[in-house]
């Protein structure tokens, strides 16, 4: 929700519905997370049930201990493959678009914080220059995540 600072910097003081917007966003986020949680664990239970029918000695604890990247890139694709390959394409397209959207909102939050101070306005003559510098800095810093140890770096920073 750090991007709310950036949104509030662009709103007029008397015409803003920021307090209401922030509550709607928070409740919507929580509702979708709950729905996603019920959905994924229902499918995981179904997957465990099917596997136990074929292999009675199968232990489902490894499946239920999957988290983070394992959920997104191991469990979800297997579930979506049962629904059809179109769902897999839609899922990864959604993940890709979410990543781009998150990058835009994080960049905007940092840029607004920098440019709202007099020092930032003097160092960066325009918002475009500040955006370019922050984008290049983000690209350079994200190279660590593209190496073989990228997931370890992600766990450290996360």
N, C-alpha and C. Protein backbone atom coordinates (compact mmCIF):
# COMPACT_ATOMS: atom_id res chain seq x y z
N UNK A 1 0.82 -1.20 0.00
CA UNK A 1 0.00 0.00 0.00
C UNK A 1 0.86 1.26 0.00
N UNK A 2 2.16 1.13 -0.20
CA UNK A 2 3.04 2.29 -0.24
C UNK A 2 2.73 3.21 -1.40
N UNK A 3 2.08 2.70 -2.41
CA UNK A 3 1.76 3.53 -3.58
C UNK A 3 0.64 4.51 -3.26
N UNK A 4 -0.07 4.32 -2.16
CA UNK A 4 -1.13 5.26 -1.78
C UNK A 4 -0.56 6.65 -1.54
N UNK A 5 0.69 6.75 -1.09
CA UNK A 5 1.34 8.04 -0.93
C UNK A 5 1.45 8.75 -2.27
N UNK A 6 1.82 8.00 -3.29
CA UNK A 6 1.93 8.58 -4.63
C UNK A 6 0.56 9.02 -5.13
N UNK A 7 -0.46 8.21 -4.92
CA UNK A 7 -1.80 8.58 -5.37
C UNK A 7 -2.30 9.83 -4.64
N UNK A 8 -2.03 9.92 -3.36
CA UNK A 8 -2.51 11.07 -2.60
C UNK A 8 -1.79 12.35 -3.02
N UNK A 9 -0.55 12.24 -3.50
CA UNK A 9 0.17 13.42 -3.93
C UNK A 9 -0.44 14.02 -5.20
N UNK A 10 -1.16 13.21 -5.97
CA UNK A 10 -1.75 13.69 -7.22
C UNK A 10 -3.20 14.11 -7.07
N UNK A 11 -3.80 13.88 -5.92
CA UNK A 11 -5.22 14.21 -5.71
C UNK A 11 -5.38 15.61 -5.13
N UNK A 12 -6.52 16.22 -5.44
CA UNK A 12 -6.86 17.50 -4.82
C UNK A 12 -7.34 17.23 -3.40
N UNK A 13 -7.02 18.15 -2.50
CA UNK A 13 -7.31 17.91 -1.09
C UNK A 13 -8.81 17.77 -0.80
N UNK A 14 -9.65 18.59 -1.39
CA UNK A 14 -11.07 18.58 -1.06
C UNK A 14 -11.89 17.61 -1.90
N UNK A 15 -11.35 17.15 -3.03
CA UNK A 15 -12.12 16.30 -3.94
C UNK A 15 -11.68 14.84 -3.86
N UNK A 16 -10.86 14.50 -2.91
CA UNK A 16 -10.28 13.16 -2.86
C UNK A 16 -11.18 12.18 -2.11
N UNK A 17 -11.24 10.97 -2.63
CA UNK A 17 -11.93 9.88 -1.95
C UNK A 17 -10.92 8.82 -1.54
N UNK A 18 -9.71 9.27 -1.21
CA UNK A 18 -8.61 8.35 -0.94
C UNK A 18 -8.92 7.41 0.23
N UNK A 19 -9.55 7.92 1.28
CA UNK A 19 -9.84 7.08 2.46
C UNK A 19 -10.80 5.96 2.08
N UNK A 20 -11.82 6.28 1.32
CA UNK A 20 -12.77 5.26 0.87
C UNK A 20 -12.09 4.30 -0.11
N UNK A 21 -11.30 4.84 -1.04
CA UNK A 21 -10.60 3.99 -2.02
C UNK A 21 -9.68 3.00 -1.33
N UNK A 22 -8.99 3.46 -0.33
CA UNK A 22 -8.03 2.59 0.37
C UNK A 22 -8.74 1.47 1.12
N UNK A 23 -9.92 1.75 1.65
CA UNK A 23 -10.69 0.69 2.31
C UNK A 23 -11.23 -0.32 1.29
N UNK A 24 -11.72 0.17 0.16
CA UNK A 24 -12.22 -0.72 -0.89
C UNK A 24 -11.10 -1.61 -1.41
N UNK A 25 -9.93 -1.04 -1.64
CA UNK A 25 -8.79 -1.83 -2.14
C UNK A 25 -8.37 -2.87 -1.12
N UNK A 26 -8.29 -2.48 0.15
CA UNK A 26 -7.89 -3.42 1.21
C UNK A 26 -8.87 -4.57 1.38
N UNK A 27 -10.16 -4.27 1.38
CA UNK A 27 -11.18 -5.32 1.54
C UNK A 27 -11.21 -6.22 0.30
N UNK A 28 -11.08 -5.63 -0.88
CA UNK A 28 -11.05 -6.43 -2.11
C UNK A 28 -9.84 -7.35 -2.14
N UNK A 29 -8.69 -6.83 -1.72
CA UNK A 29 -7.47 -7.64 -1.69
C UNK A 29 -7.63 -8.82 -0.74
N UNK A 30 -8.18 -8.55 0.44
CA UNK A 30 -8.38 -9.61 1.43
C UNK A 30 -9.38 -10.66 0.91
N UNK A 31 -10.45 -10.20 0.28
CA UNK A 31 -11.47 -11.12 -0.23
C UNK A 31 -10.90 -12.03 -1.32
N UNK A 32 -10.13 -11.47 -2.23
CA UNK A 32 -9.54 -12.28 -3.30
C UNK A 32 -8.51 -13.25 -2.74
N UNK A 33 -7.75 -12.82 -1.72
CA UNK A 33 -6.78 -13.72 -1.11
C UNK A 33 -7.48 -14.90 -0.43
N UNK A 34 -8.59 -14.62 0.26
CA UNK A 34 -9.35 -15.71 0.89
C UNK A 34 -9.94 -16.66 -0.16
N UNK A 35 -10.51 -16.11 -1.20
CA UNK A 35 -11.07 -16.93 -2.27
C UNK A 35 -9.97 -17.78 -2.92
N UNK A 36 -8.82 -17.16 -3.17
CA UNK A 36 -7.70 -17.91 -3.74
C UNK A 36 -7.21 -19.00 -2.82
N UNK A 37 -7.16 -18.72 -1.53
CA UNK A 37 -6.72 -19.73 -0.57
C UNK A 37 -7.66 -20.93 -0.52
N UNK A 38 -8.96 -20.64 -0.45
CA UNK A 38 -9.93 -21.75 -0.46
C UNK A 38 -9.85 -22.55 -1.76
N UNK A 39 -9.67 -21.85 -2.86
CA UNK A 39 -9.61 -22.52 -4.16
C UNK A 39 -8.38 -23.41 -4.26
N UNK A 40 -7.21 -22.88 -3.92
CA UNK A 40 -5.98 -23.65 -4.10
C UNK A 40 -5.95 -24.86 -3.18
N UNK A 41 -6.38 -24.68 -1.93
CA UNK A 41 -6.33 -25.83 -1.02
C UNK A 41 -7.41 -26.86 -1.33
N UNK A 42 -8.51 -26.44 -1.93
CA UNK A 42 -9.51 -27.41 -2.38
C UNK A 42 -8.95 -28.25 -3.52
N UNK A 43 -8.29 -27.58 -4.47
CA UNK A 43 -7.68 -28.32 -5.57
C UNK A 43 -6.54 -29.21 -5.09
N UNK A 44 -5.77 -28.74 -4.11
CA UNK A 44 -4.68 -29.56 -3.58
C UNK A 44 -5.25 -30.79 -2.89
N UNK A 45 -6.37 -30.64 -2.16
CA UNK A 45 -7.01 -31.80 -1.55
C UNK A 45 -7.52 -32.78 -2.59
N UNK A 46 -8.07 -32.25 -3.67
CA UNK A 46 -8.53 -33.10 -4.76
C UNK A 46 -7.35 -33.84 -5.39
N UNK A 47 -6.25 -33.14 -5.62
CA UNK A 47 -5.05 -33.76 -6.20
C UNK A 47 -4.52 -34.86 -5.27
N UNK A 48 -4.51 -34.59 -3.99
CA UNK A 48 -4.03 -35.58 -3.02
C UNK A 48 -4.95 -36.81 -3.03
N UNK A 49 -6.25 -36.56 -3.09
CA UNK A 49 -7.23 -37.67 -3.12
C UNK A 49 -7.02 -38.55 -4.36
N UNK A 50 -6.82 -37.92 -5.52
CA UNK A 50 -6.60 -38.69 -6.75
C UNK A 50 -5.30 -39.49 -6.68
N UNK A 51 -4.26 -38.86 -6.13
CA UNK A 51 -2.97 -39.54 -6.03
C UNK A 51 -3.05 -40.70 -5.05
N UNK A 52 -3.77 -40.53 -3.94
CA UNK A 52 -3.91 -41.60 -2.95
C UNK A 52 -4.71 -42.78 -3.51
N UNK A 53 -5.62 -42.53 -4.44
CA UNK A 53 -6.35 -43.63 -5.06
C UNK A 53 -5.42 -44.50 -5.90
N UNK A 54 -4.44 -43.86 -6.55
CA UNK A 54 -3.50 -44.61 -7.40
C UNK A 54 -2.36 -45.20 -6.58
N UNK A 55 -1.87 -44.43 -5.58
CA UNK A 55 -0.76 -44.88 -4.74
C UNK A 55 -1.17 -44.71 -3.29
N UNK A 56 -1.70 -45.75 -2.63
CA UNK A 56 -2.21 -45.61 -1.26
C UNK A 56 -1.17 -45.16 -0.24
N UNK A 57 0.10 -45.43 -0.48
CA UNK A 57 1.13 -45.06 0.49
C UNK A 57 1.62 -43.63 0.32
N UNK A 58 1.01 -42.87 -0.60
CA UNK A 58 1.45 -41.50 -0.87
C UNK A 58 1.18 -40.60 0.33
N UNK A 59 2.17 -39.78 0.69
CA UNK A 59 2.04 -38.85 1.82
C UNK A 59 1.81 -37.44 1.27
N UNK A 60 0.72 -36.83 1.62
CA UNK A 60 0.36 -35.51 1.07
C UNK A 60 1.02 -34.35 1.79
N UNK A 61 1.78 -34.58 2.84
CA UNK A 61 2.35 -33.46 3.59
C UNK A 61 3.31 -32.64 2.74
N UNK A 62 4.02 -33.26 1.80
CA UNK A 62 4.92 -32.50 0.94
C UNK A 62 4.13 -31.55 0.05
N UNK A 63 2.98 -31.98 -0.41
CA UNK A 63 2.14 -31.14 -1.26
C UNK A 63 1.61 -29.94 -0.47
N UNK A 64 1.19 -30.16 0.76
CA UNK A 64 0.64 -29.07 1.56
C UNK A 64 1.70 -28.14 2.14
N UNK A 65 2.96 -28.55 2.15
CA UNK A 65 4.01 -27.67 2.65
C UNK A 65 4.59 -26.80 1.55
N UNK A 66 4.08 -26.92 0.32
CA UNK A 66 4.53 -26.09 -0.79
C UNK A 66 4.10 -24.66 -0.54
N UNK A 67 5.01 -23.71 -0.79
CA UNK A 67 4.70 -22.30 -0.55
C UNK A 67 5.37 -21.43 -1.60
N UNK A 68 5.01 -20.20 -1.64
CA UNK A 68 5.61 -19.15 -2.45
C UNK A 68 5.74 -19.54 -3.92
N UNK A 69 6.97 -19.61 -4.41
CA UNK A 69 7.21 -19.91 -5.83
C UNK A 69 6.74 -21.32 -6.18
N UNK A 70 6.79 -22.24 -5.23
CA UNK A 70 6.34 -23.60 -5.49
C UNK A 70 4.85 -23.65 -5.80
N UNK A 71 4.07 -22.80 -5.09
CA UNK A 71 2.64 -22.75 -5.38
C UNK A 71 2.39 -22.20 -6.77
N UNK A 72 3.06 -21.11 -7.10
CA UNK A 72 2.80 -20.45 -8.38
C UNK A 72 3.30 -21.25 -9.57
N UNK A 73 4.42 -21.95 -9.42
CA UNK A 73 5.03 -22.58 -10.59
C UNK A 73 5.01 -24.10 -10.56
N UNK A 74 4.55 -24.71 -9.48
CA UNK A 74 4.43 -26.17 -9.43
C UNK A 74 2.97 -26.61 -9.29
N UNK A 75 2.30 -26.11 -8.26
CA UNK A 75 0.95 -26.57 -7.96
C UNK A 75 -0.07 -25.98 -8.93
N UNK A 76 -0.06 -24.67 -9.13
CA UNK A 76 -1.04 -24.04 -10.01
C UNK A 76 -1.02 -24.59 -11.43
N UNK A 77 0.15 -24.73 -12.08
CA UNK A 77 0.12 -25.27 -13.44
C UNK A 77 -0.47 -26.68 -13.52
N UNK A 78 -0.19 -27.53 -12.53
CA UNK A 78 -0.77 -28.87 -12.53
C UNK A 78 -2.29 -28.82 -12.41
N UNK A 79 -2.77 -27.93 -11.58
CA UNK A 79 -4.21 -27.77 -11.41
C UNK A 79 -4.83 -27.24 -12.70
N UNK A 80 -4.20 -26.23 -13.29
CA UNK A 80 -4.75 -25.61 -14.48
C UNK A 80 -4.69 -26.54 -15.70
N UNK A 81 -3.72 -27.45 -15.72
CA UNK A 81 -3.65 -28.41 -16.82
C UNK A 81 -4.87 -29.32 -16.85
N UNK A 82 -5.43 -29.58 -15.67
CA UNK A 82 -6.66 -30.38 -15.62
C UNK A 82 -7.83 -29.63 -16.25
N UNK A 83 -7.78 -28.30 -16.18
CA UNK A 83 -8.86 -27.50 -16.74
C UNK A 83 -8.67 -27.23 -18.23
N UNK A 84 -7.45 -27.34 -18.72
CA UNK A 84 -7.17 -27.09 -20.13
C UNK A 84 -5.98 -26.15 -20.29
N UNK A 85 -5.30 -26.26 -21.42
CA UNK A 85 -4.07 -25.49 -21.61
C UNK A 85 -4.33 -23.99 -21.75
N UNK A 86 -5.52 -23.60 -22.16
CA UNK A 86 -5.84 -22.17 -22.25
C UNK A 86 -5.75 -21.48 -20.91
N UNK A 87 -6.13 -22.19 -19.85
CA UNK A 87 -6.05 -21.63 -18.50
C UNK A 87 -4.61 -21.42 -18.07
N UNK A 88 -3.71 -22.29 -18.51
CA UNK A 88 -2.29 -22.14 -18.17
C UNK A 88 -1.74 -20.88 -18.81
N UNK A 89 -2.07 -20.67 -20.08
CA UNK A 89 -1.62 -19.46 -20.78
C UNK A 89 -2.19 -18.22 -20.10
N UNK A 90 -3.47 -18.24 -19.76
CA UNK A 90 -4.09 -17.10 -19.09
C UNK A 90 -3.45 -16.84 -17.73
N UNK A 91 -3.11 -17.90 -17.00
CA UNK A 91 -2.50 -17.75 -15.68
C UNK A 91 -1.13 -17.09 -15.77
N UNK A 92 -0.27 -17.57 -16.67
CA UNK A 92 1.06 -16.99 -16.77
C UNK A 92 1.03 -15.61 -17.39
N UNK A 93 0.09 -15.33 -18.27
CA UNK A 93 -0.08 -13.98 -18.79
C UNK A 93 -0.49 -13.03 -17.66
N UNK A 94 -1.37 -13.52 -16.78
CA UNK A 94 -1.78 -12.73 -15.62
C UNK A 94 -0.61 -12.46 -14.69
N UNK A 95 0.22 -13.48 -14.43
CA UNK A 95 1.41 -13.27 -13.59
C UNK A 95 2.35 -12.25 -14.21
N UNK A 96 2.54 -12.33 -15.51
CA UNK A 96 3.43 -11.40 -16.21
C UNK A 96 2.89 -9.97 -16.10
N UNK A 97 1.59 -9.79 -16.35
CA UNK A 97 0.99 -8.46 -16.26
C UNK A 97 1.01 -7.92 -14.83
N UNK A 98 0.82 -8.80 -13.85
CA UNK A 98 0.91 -8.38 -12.44
C UNK A 98 2.31 -7.89 -12.11
N UNK A 99 3.31 -8.57 -12.64
CA UNK A 99 4.69 -8.13 -12.42
C UNK A 99 4.96 -6.76 -13.00
N UNK A 100 4.47 -6.52 -14.22
CA UNK A 100 4.66 -5.21 -14.84
C UNK A 100 3.91 -4.14 -14.06
N UNK A 101 2.69 -4.42 -13.66
CA UNK A 101 1.89 -3.47 -12.90
C UNK A 101 2.55 -3.14 -11.55
N UNK A 102 3.08 -4.16 -10.89
CA UNK A 102 3.76 -3.93 -9.61
C UNK A 102 5.00 -3.06 -9.80
N UNK A 103 5.72 -3.29 -10.89
CA UNK A 103 6.90 -2.48 -11.16
C UNK A 103 6.52 -1.01 -11.38
N UNK A 104 5.44 -0.77 -12.11
CA UNK A 104 4.99 0.60 -12.34
C UNK A 104 4.60 1.28 -11.04
N UNK A 105 3.83 0.59 -10.19
CA UNK A 105 3.37 1.24 -8.97
C UNK A 105 4.51 1.44 -7.97
N UNK A 106 5.45 0.51 -7.90
CA UNK A 106 6.60 0.72 -7.00
C UNK A 106 7.46 1.88 -7.50
N UNK A 107 7.68 1.94 -8.81
CA UNK A 107 8.46 3.02 -9.40
C UNK A 107 7.78 4.37 -9.16
N UNK A 108 6.47 4.41 -9.33
CA UNK A 108 5.75 5.67 -9.13
C UNK A 108 5.79 6.11 -7.68
N UNK A 109 5.70 5.16 -6.75
CA UNK A 109 5.75 5.52 -5.33
C UNK A 109 7.11 6.11 -4.96
N UNK A 110 8.17 5.49 -5.42
CA UNK A 110 9.52 6.00 -5.12
C UNK A 110 9.75 7.33 -5.80
N UNK A 111 9.35 7.43 -7.07
CA UNK A 111 9.54 8.68 -7.83
C UNK A 111 8.80 9.84 -7.18
N UNK A 112 7.56 9.61 -6.76
CA UNK A 112 6.79 10.67 -6.12
C UNK A 112 7.44 11.09 -4.80
N UNK A 113 7.91 10.11 -4.04
CA UNK A 113 8.59 10.45 -2.78
C UNK A 113 9.85 11.28 -3.01
N UNK A 114 10.59 10.97 -4.05
CA UNK A 114 11.82 11.72 -4.35
C UNK A 114 11.48 13.11 -4.86
N UNK A 115 10.56 13.19 -5.82
CA UNK A 115 10.27 14.47 -6.47
C UNK A 115 9.49 15.44 -5.58
N UNK A 116 8.85 14.96 -4.53
CA UNK A 116 8.13 15.86 -3.63
C UNK A 116 9.07 16.67 -2.74
N UNK A 117 10.29 16.20 -2.59
CA UNK A 117 11.27 16.96 -1.81
C UNK A 117 12.02 17.92 -2.71
N UNK A 118 12.44 19.05 -2.15
CA UNK A 118 13.16 20.05 -2.93
C UNK A 118 14.48 19.50 -3.45
N UNK A 119 15.15 18.68 -2.65
CA UNK A 119 16.42 18.08 -3.08
C UNK A 119 16.22 17.22 -4.33
N UNK A 120 15.17 16.42 -4.35
CA UNK A 120 14.89 15.59 -5.51
C UNK A 120 14.59 16.40 -6.75
N UNK A 121 13.89 17.51 -6.57
CA UNK A 121 13.57 18.36 -7.71
C UNK A 121 14.81 19.03 -8.28
N UNK A 122 15.79 19.32 -7.41
CA UNK A 122 17.04 19.93 -7.88
C UNK A 122 17.93 18.91 -8.57
N UNK A 123 18.03 17.70 -8.02
CA UNK A 123 18.90 16.67 -8.60
C UNK A 123 18.35 16.20 -9.94
N UNK A 124 17.07 15.89 -9.96
CA UNK A 124 16.42 15.45 -11.20
C UNK A 124 15.60 16.63 -11.72
N UNK A 125 15.96 17.13 -12.86
CA UNK A 125 15.29 18.33 -13.39
C UNK A 125 13.84 18.05 -13.80
N UNK A 126 13.52 16.80 -14.14
CA UNK A 126 12.15 16.48 -14.53
C UNK A 126 11.79 15.08 -14.03
N UNK A 127 10.50 14.78 -14.05
CA UNK A 127 10.03 13.46 -13.64
C UNK A 127 10.52 12.38 -14.61
N UNK A 128 10.69 12.73 -15.87
CA UNK A 128 11.16 11.77 -16.86
C UNK A 128 12.58 11.32 -16.57
N UNK A 129 13.43 12.26 -16.17
CA UNK A 129 14.82 11.91 -15.83
C UNK A 129 14.84 11.04 -14.58
N UNK A 130 14.04 11.40 -13.59
CA UNK A 130 13.97 10.60 -12.36
C UNK A 130 13.47 9.19 -12.67
N UNK A 131 12.44 9.08 -13.52
CA UNK A 131 11.92 7.76 -13.91
C UNK A 131 12.98 6.94 -14.63
N UNK A 132 13.72 7.57 -15.52
CA UNK A 132 14.77 6.86 -16.27
C UNK A 132 15.87 6.35 -15.35
N UNK A 133 16.31 7.19 -14.43
CA UNK A 133 17.38 6.79 -13.50
C UNK A 133 16.90 5.66 -12.60
N UNK A 134 15.68 5.77 -12.07
CA UNK A 134 15.16 4.72 -11.19
C UNK A 134 14.94 3.41 -11.95
N UNK A 135 14.51 3.50 -13.20
CA UNK A 135 14.32 2.29 -14.00
C UNK A 135 15.65 1.59 -14.27
N UNK A 136 16.66 2.36 -14.65
CA UNK A 136 17.99 1.77 -14.88
C UNK A 136 18.56 1.17 -13.59
N UNK A 137 18.35 1.85 -12.48
CA UNK A 137 18.80 1.31 -11.19
C UNK A 137 18.08 0.01 -10.87
N UNK A 138 16.79 -0.05 -11.15
CA UNK A 138 16.02 -1.27 -10.93
C UNK A 138 16.49 -2.42 -11.80
N UNK A 139 16.82 -2.12 -13.06
CA UNK A 139 17.32 -3.16 -13.97
C UNK A 139 18.65 -3.70 -13.47
N UNK A 140 19.54 -2.81 -13.06
CA UNK A 140 20.86 -3.25 -12.57
C UNK A 140 20.72 -4.08 -11.30
N UNK A 141 19.88 -3.64 -10.37
CA UNK A 141 19.71 -4.37 -9.12
C UNK A 141 18.98 -5.69 -9.30
N UNK A 142 18.16 -5.80 -10.34
CA UNK A 142 17.41 -7.05 -10.54
C UNK A 142 18.23 -8.13 -11.23
N UNK A 143 19.43 -7.82 -11.67
CA UNK A 143 20.28 -8.82 -12.31
C UNK A 143 20.58 -9.97 -11.35
N UNK A 144 20.67 -9.66 -10.06
CA UNK A 144 20.93 -10.71 -9.07
C UNK A 144 19.87 -11.81 -9.11
N UNK A 145 18.64 -11.46 -9.45
CA UNK A 145 17.55 -12.43 -9.47
C UNK A 145 17.57 -13.30 -10.73
N UNK A 146 18.38 -12.94 -11.71
CA UNK A 146 18.47 -13.69 -12.97
C UNK A 146 19.58 -14.72 -12.94
N UNK A 147 20.33 -14.81 -11.87
CA UNK A 147 21.42 -15.77 -11.78
C UNK A 147 20.89 -17.10 -11.25
N UNK A 148 21.78 -18.07 -11.15
CA UNK A 148 21.38 -19.37 -10.60
C UNK A 148 20.91 -19.27 -9.16
N UNK A 149 21.43 -18.29 -8.44
CA UNK A 149 21.06 -18.10 -7.03
C UNK A 149 19.93 -17.10 -6.87
N UNK A 150 19.17 -16.85 -7.94
CA UNK A 150 18.11 -15.85 -7.91
C UNK A 150 17.05 -16.11 -6.86
N UNK A 151 16.64 -17.37 -6.70
CA UNK A 151 15.62 -17.67 -5.69
C UNK A 151 16.16 -17.50 -4.28
N UNK A 152 17.44 -17.76 -4.09
CA UNK A 152 18.05 -17.54 -2.77
C UNK A 152 18.06 -16.03 -2.48
N UNK A 153 18.45 -15.23 -3.48
CA UNK A 153 18.41 -13.77 -3.29
C UNK A 153 16.99 -13.29 -3.00
N UNK A 154 16.02 -13.88 -3.68
CA UNK A 154 14.62 -13.49 -3.44
C UNK A 154 14.20 -13.81 -2.01
N UNK A 155 14.59 -14.98 -1.51
CA UNK A 155 14.26 -15.35 -0.12
C UNK A 155 14.95 -14.41 0.86
N UNK A 156 16.19 -14.02 0.58
CA UNK A 156 16.93 -13.12 1.47
C UNK A 156 16.24 -11.76 1.53
N UNK A 157 15.89 -11.23 0.38
CA UNK A 157 15.29 -9.89 0.33
C UNK A 157 13.84 -9.91 0.79
N UNK A 158 13.16 -11.01 0.51
CA UNK A 158 11.75 -11.12 0.90
C UNK A 158 11.64 -11.30 2.39
